[in-house]
Protein backbone atom coordinates (compact mmCIF):
# COMPACT_ATOMS: atom_id res chain seq x y z
CA UNK A 1 0.00 0.00 0.00
CA UNK A 2 1.55 3.35 -0.96
CA UNK A 3 2.12 5.95 1.74
CA UNK A 4 0.91 9.53 1.52
CA UNK A 5 3.76 11.88 0.78
CA UNK A 6 4.05 15.61 0.78
CA UNK A 7 3.53 16.75 -2.78
CA UNK A 8 3.07 20.44 -1.95
CA UNK A 9 6.15 22.21 -3.38
CA UNK A 10 5.11 25.49 -1.73
CA UNK A 11 5.45 24.13 1.81
CA UNK A 12 8.25 25.86 3.67
CA UNK A 13 9.95 24.27 6.64
CA UNK A 14 11.47 25.93 9.65
CA UNK A 15 15.21 25.63 10.14
CA UNK A 16 15.86 22.52 12.21
CA UNK A 17 12.39 21.10 11.56
CA UNK A 18 12.00 17.39 12.17
CA UNK A 19 10.33 15.66 9.23
CA UNK A 20 8.07 12.61 9.27
CA UNK A 21 9.98 9.75 7.61
CA UNK A 22 6.72 8.45 6.13
CA UNK A 23 4.91 11.58 4.91
CA UNK A 24 7.77 14.06 4.50
CA UNK A 25 5.95 16.81 6.42
CA UNK A 26 7.05 18.71 9.50
CA UNK A 27 6.19 17.07 12.82
CA UNK A 28 4.15 19.19 15.22
CA UNK A 29 4.90 19.41 18.94
CA UNK A 30 1.99 18.38 21.16
CA UNK A 31 1.42 17.73 24.86
CA UNK A 32 -0.27 14.48 25.81
CA UNK A 33 -0.80 12.16 28.74
CA UNK A 34 1.56 9.24 28.22
CA UNK A 35 1.70 5.79 29.83
CA UNK A 36 5.01 4.00 30.25
CA UNK A 37 5.58 0.89 32.36
CA UNK A 38 2.22 1.42 34.08
CA UNK A 39 3.02 5.02 35.08
CA UNK A 40 0.87 7.83 33.72
CA UNK A 41 2.80 10.97 32.86
CA UNK A 42 0.91 14.21 32.25
CA UNK A 43 1.77 17.00 29.81
CA UNK A 44 4.46 15.00 28.00
CA UNK A 45 5.75 16.79 24.92
CA UNK A 46 6.17 14.77 21.73
CA UNK A 47 6.33 15.33 18.00
CA UNK A 48 3.46 13.99 15.88
CA UNK A 49 2.87 13.87 12.14
CA UNK A 50 -0.35 15.68 11.24
CA UNK A 51 -1.02 13.15 8.47
CA UNK A 52 -0.11 9.64 9.68
CA UNK A 53 0.08 10.35 13.43
CA UNK A 54 3.61 8.90 13.68
CA UNK A 55 5.10 9.97 17.04
CA UNK A 56 8.72 10.76 17.88
CA UNK A 57 10.59 12.22 20.83
CA UNK A 58 13.53 14.60 20.72
CA UNK A 59 16.44 13.82 23.08
CA UNK A 60 15.25 16.71 25.29
CA UNK A 61 11.73 15.29 25.42
CA UNK A 62 13.12 11.86 26.34
CA UNK A 63 15.14 13.42 29.14
CA UNK A 64 12.04 15.20 30.47
CA UNK A 65 10.17 11.85 30.51
CA UNK A 66 13.01 10.21 32.45
CA UNK A 67 12.97 13.08 34.98
CA UNK A 68 9.20 12.74 35.46
CA UNK A 69 9.58 8.99 36.02
CA UNK A 70 12.32 9.58 38.64
CA UNK A 71 10.11 12.10 40.48
CA UNK A 72 7.23 9.60 40.57
CA UNK A 73 9.49 6.91 42.04
CA UNK A 74 10.40 9.06 45.07
């Protein structure tokens, strides 16, 4: 099955934008509630593709998740 790709040549990307590997569009930062290992984390930032909903984390976002998990353990 073919994937949707960005065919809009007029789209401009911000410097340093992270692109969806599937759709070739800029990922959008969102805040969500996120469950990991049975722990619910609130207001977790992630990057999501507006087309296919693929999710990714930046290294900074991963670090913030690890810090939230440590705070919940204590």
